[in-house]
Amino acid sequence: MAKVRVGRVGEQIKKEISQIIQAELKDPRIGFITVTGVEVTNDFSQAKVFLSVMGSDEQKEETLKALSRSSGFIRSELGKRIRLRKIPELLFKFDASIDYGSRIEQLLDRINTGNVNS
């Protein structure tokens, strides 16, 4: 039963963080971000927020730094929107699954068109 609650809280945190980043944060270093997932520990002390960021590696790093600096603001906004005894510490990580999937798709397209060498 506890795992179900952890999953529901993770999904709610994901939804709220997406809205906060989109509507509340005004940092120009933050690019086009998609929150792809949130993993919350069983005691709700930490939440790993997985992000997909469009742009170069330098833009991705700048976005991650800006989000890390604004994590206090994001936590306070989460506290206003979600009723939890303790708002988890936010750890931002890159989710490479979308990049990996697009790379696989490019390779499959090359195989299907017969252009394997490029």
C-alpha atoms as a PDB file:
ATOM      1  CA  MET A   1       0.000   0.000   0.000  1.00  0.00           C
ATOM      2  CA  ALA A   2       2.889   2.384   0.741  1.00  0.00           C
ATOM      3  CA  LYS A   3       4.309   1.980  -2.776  1.00  0.00           C
ATOM      4  CA  VAL A   4       0.992   3.050  -4.260  1.00  0.00           C
ATOM      5  CA  ARG A   5       1.057   6.256  -2.222  1.00  0.00           C
ATOM      6  CA  VAL A   6       4.683   6.933  -3.153  1.00  0.00           C
ATOM      7  CA  GLY A   7       3.757   6.536  -6.824  1.00  0.00           C
ATOM      8  CA  ARG A   8       0.768   8.856  -6.546  1.00  0.00           C
ATOM      9  CA  VAL A   9       2.788  11.499  -4.701  1.00  0.00           C
ATOM     10  CA  GLY A  10       5.534  11.215  -7.345  1.00  0.00           C
ATOM     11  CA  GLU A  11       3.033  11.776 -10.149  1.00  0.00           C
ATOM     12  CA  GLN A  12       1.529  14.770  -8.357  1.00  0.00           C
ATOM     13  CA  ILE A  13       4.981  16.261  -7.766  1.00  0.00           C
ATOM     14  CA  LYS A  14       5.795  15.740 -11.457  1.00  0.00           C
ATOM     15  CA  LYS A  15       2.642  17.572 -12.516  1.00  0.00           C
ATOM     16  CA  GLU A  16       3.171  20.468 -10.123  1.00  0.00           C
ATOM     17  CA  ILE A  17       6.875  20.903 -10.941  1.00  0.00           C
ATOM     18  CA  SER A  18       6.027  21.032 -14.649  1.00  0.00           C
ATOM     19  CA  GLN A  19       3.525  23.805 -14.008  1.00  0.00           C
ATOM     20  CA  ILE A  20       5.900  25.712 -11.713  1.00  0.00           C
ATOM     21  CA  ILE A  21       8.760  25.592 -14.236  1.00  0.00           C
ATOM     22  CA  GLN A  22       6.485  26.627 -17.080  1.00  0.00           C
ATOM     23  CA  ALA A  23       4.560  29.417 -15.344  1.00  0.00           C
ATOM     24  CA  GLU A  24       6.545  30.674 -12.358  1.00  0.00           C
ATOM     25  CA  LEU A  25      10.259  30.510 -13.198  1.00  0.00           C
ATOM     26  CA  LYS A  26      11.563  33.472 -15.173  1.00  0.00           C
ATOM     27  CA  ASP A  27      15.219  32.442 -15.480  1.00  0.00           C
ATOM     28  CA  PRO A  28      16.396  32.930 -19.091  1.00  0.00           C
ATOM     29  CA  ARG A  29      18.928  30.088 -18.749  1.00  0.00           C
ATOM     30  CA  ILE A  30      16.111  27.569 -18.458  1.00  0.00           C
ATOM     31  CA  GLY A  31      15.363  26.256 -21.914  1.00  0.00           C
ATOM     32  CA  PHE A  32      12.640  23.993 -23.221  1.00  0.00           C
ATOM     33  CA  ILE A  33      12.155  21.398 -20.471  1.00  0.00           C
ATOM     34  CA  THR A  34       9.964  18.345 -20.163  1.00  0.00           C
ATOM     35  CA  VAL A  35       9.663  16.674 -16.763  1.00  0.00           C
ATOM     36  CA  THR A  36       9.688  13.001 -17.711  1.00  0.00           C
ATOM     37  CA  GLY A  37       9.465  11.414 -14.286  1.00  0.00           C
ATOM     38  CA  VAL A  38       9.859  11.711 -10.537  1.00  0.00           C
ATOM     39  CA  GLU A  39      11.162   9.027  -8.181  1.00  0.00           C
ATOM     40  CA  VAL A  40      10.343   9.662  -4.526  1.00  0.00           C
ATOM     41  CA  THR A  41      11.995   7.766  -1.669  1.00  0.00           C
ATOM     42  CA  ASN A  42       9.723   5.833   0.694  1.00  0.00           C
ATOM     43  CA  ASP A  43      10.213   8.364   3.505  1.00  0.00           C
ATOM     44  CA  PHE A  44       9.567  11.335   1.159  1.00  0.00           C
ATOM     45  CA  SER A  45      12.946  12.871   2.019  1.00  0.00           C
ATOM     46  CA  GLN A  46      14.228  13.059  -1.570  1.00  0.00           C
ATOM     47  CA  ALA A  47      12.735  13.239  -5.036  1.00  0.00           C
ATOM     48  CA  LYS A  48      14.761  12.665  -8.184  1.00  0.00           C
ATOM     49  CA  VAL A  49      13.255  14.778 -10.941  1.00  0.00           C
ATOM     50  CA  PHE A  50      14.126  13.480 -14.419  1.00  0.00           C
ATOM     51  CA  LEU A  51      14.249  16.098 -17.171  1.00  0.00           C
ATOM     52  CA  SER A  52      14.529  16.137 -20.910  1.00  0.00           C
ATOM     53  CA  VAL A  53      16.055  19.348 -22.236  1.00  0.00           C
ATOM     54  CA  MET A  54      16.210  20.431 -25.858  1.00  0.00           C
ATOM     55  CA  GLY A  55      19.455  22.064 -26.972  1.00  0.00           C
ATOM     56  CA  SER A  56      23.192  21.616 -26.893  1.00  0.00           C
ATOM     57  CA  ASP A  57      25.123  20.053 -24.015  1.00  0.00           C
ATOM     58  CA  GLU A  58      26.136  23.527 -22.808  1.00  0.00           C
ATOM     59  CA  GLN A  59      22.489  24.648 -22.726  1.00  0.00           C
ATOM     60  CA  LYS A  60      21.556  21.493 -20.833  1.00  0.00           C
ATOM     61  CA  GLU A  61      24.209  22.149 -18.188  1.00  0.00           C
ATOM     62  CA  GLU A  62      23.111  25.778 -17.801  1.00  0.00           C
ATOM     63  CA  THR A  63      19.507  24.628 -17.402  1.00  0.00           C
ATOM     64  CA  LEU A  64      20.505  22.096 -14.749  1.00  0.00           C
ATOM     65  CA  LYS A  65      22.500  24.726 -12.829  1.00  0.00           C
ATOM     66  CA  ALA A  66      19.604  27.198 -12.974  1.00  0.00           C
ATOM     67  CA  LEU A  67      17.140  24.581 -11.733  1.00  0.00           C
ATOM     68  CA  SER A  68      19.461  23.568  -8.906  1.00  0.00           C
ATOM     69  CA  ARG A  69      19.720  27.193  -7.808  1.00  0.00           C
ATOM     70  CA  SER A  70      15.951  27.619  -7.886  1.00  0.00           C
ATOM     71  CA  SER A  71      15.164  24.345  -6.095  1.00  0.00           C
ATOM     72  CA  GLY A  72      14.341  26.227  -2.878  1.00  0.00           C
ATOM     73  CA  PHE A  73      11.720  28.300  -4.669  1.00  0.00           C
ATOM     74  CA  ILE A  74      10.302  25.208  -6.372  1.00  0.00           C
ATOM     75  CA  ARG A  75      10.087  23.399  -3.013  1.00  0.00           C
ATOM     76  CA  SER A  76       8.277  26.318  -1.402  1.00  0.00           C
ATOM     77  CA  GLU A  77       5.793  26.432  -4.288  1.00  0.00           C
ATOM     78  CA  LEU A  78       5.293  22.665  -3.961  1.00  0.00           C
ATOM     79  CA  GLY A  79       4.576  23.172  -0.270  1.00  0.00           C
ATOM     80  CA  LYS A  80       1.821  25.627  -1.146  1.00  0.00           C
ATOM     81  CA  ARG A  81       0.267  23.283  -3.721  1.00  0.00           C
ATOM     82  CA  ILE A  82       0.648  19.839  -2.119  1.00  0.00           C
ATOM     83  CA  ARG A  83      -0.244  19.018   1.470  1.00  0.00           C
ATOM     84  CA  LEU A  84       2.629  16.923   2.761  1.00  0.00           C
ATOM     85  CA  ARG A  85       4.241  16.961   6.176  1.00  0.00           C
ATOM     86  CA  LYS A  86       7.677  17.267   4.600  1.00  0.00           C
ATOM     87  CA  ILE A  87       8.390  18.445   1.065  1.00  0.00           C
ATOM     88  CA  PRO A  88      11.185  16.290  -0.397  1.00  0.00           C
ATOM     89  CA  GLU A  89      14.592  17.628  -1.366  1.00  0.00           C
ATOM     90  CA  LEU A  90      14.696  17.933  -5.154  1.00  0.00           C
ATOM     91  CA  LEU A  91      17.530  16.400  -7.161  1.00  0.00           C
ATOM     92  CA  PHE A  92      17.464  17.227 -10.870  1.00  0.00           C
ATOM     93  CA  LYS A  93      18.810  14.613 -13.312  1.00  0.00           C
ATOM     94  CA  PHE A  94      18.851  14.300 -17.090  1.00  0.00           C
ATOM     95  CA  ASP A  95      16.696  11.647 -18.696  1.00  0.00           C
ATOM     96  CA  ALA A  96      18.563  10.372 -21.729  1.00  0.00           C
ATOM     97  CA  SER A  97      15.824   7.964 -22.808  1.00  0.00           C
ATOM     98  CA  ILE A  98      14.293  10.411 -25.308  1.00  0.00           C
ATOM     99  CA  ASP A  99      17.686  11.097 -26.933  1.00  0.00           C
ATOM    100  CA  TYR A 100      18.387   7.370 -26.954  1.00  0.00           C
ATOM    101  CA  GLY A 101      15.016   6.638 -28.558  1.00  0.00           C
ATOM    102  CA  SER A 102      15.500   9.243 -31.283  1.00  0.00           C
ATOM    103  CA  ARG A 103      18.964   7.844 -32.041  1.00  0.00           C
ATOM    104  CA  ILE A 104      17.498   4.320 -32.389  1.00  0.00           C
ATOM    105  CA  GLU A 105      14.786   5.716 -34.664  1.00  0.00           C
ATOM    106  CA  GLN A 106      17.397   7.405 -36.896  1.00  0.00           C
ATOM    107  CA  LEU A 107      19.353   4.168 -37.169  1.00  0.00           C
ATOM    108  CA  LEU A 108      16.227   2.189 -38.049  1.00  0.00           C
ATOM    109  CA  ASP A 109      15.301   4.761 -40.707  1.00  0.00           C
ATOM    110  CA  ARG A 110      18.769   4.414 -42.241  1.00  0.00           C
ATOM    111  CA  ILE A 111      18.458   0.628 -42.315  1.00  0.00           C
ATOM    112  CA  ASN A 112      15.019   0.809 -43.917  1.00  0.00           C
ATOM    113  CA  THR A 113      16.165   3.214 -46.636  1.00  0.00           C
ATOM    114  CA  GLY A 114      19.274   1.127 -47.350  1.00  0.00           C
ATOM    115  CA  ASN A 115      21.716   3.891 -46.416  1.00  0.00           C
ATOM    116  CA  VAL A 116      23.608   1.947 -43.759  1.00  0.00           C
ATOM    117  CA  ASN A 117      27.075   3.486 -44.202  1.00  0.00           C
ATOM    118  CA  SER A 118      26.274   7.077 -43.182  1.00  0.00           C
END
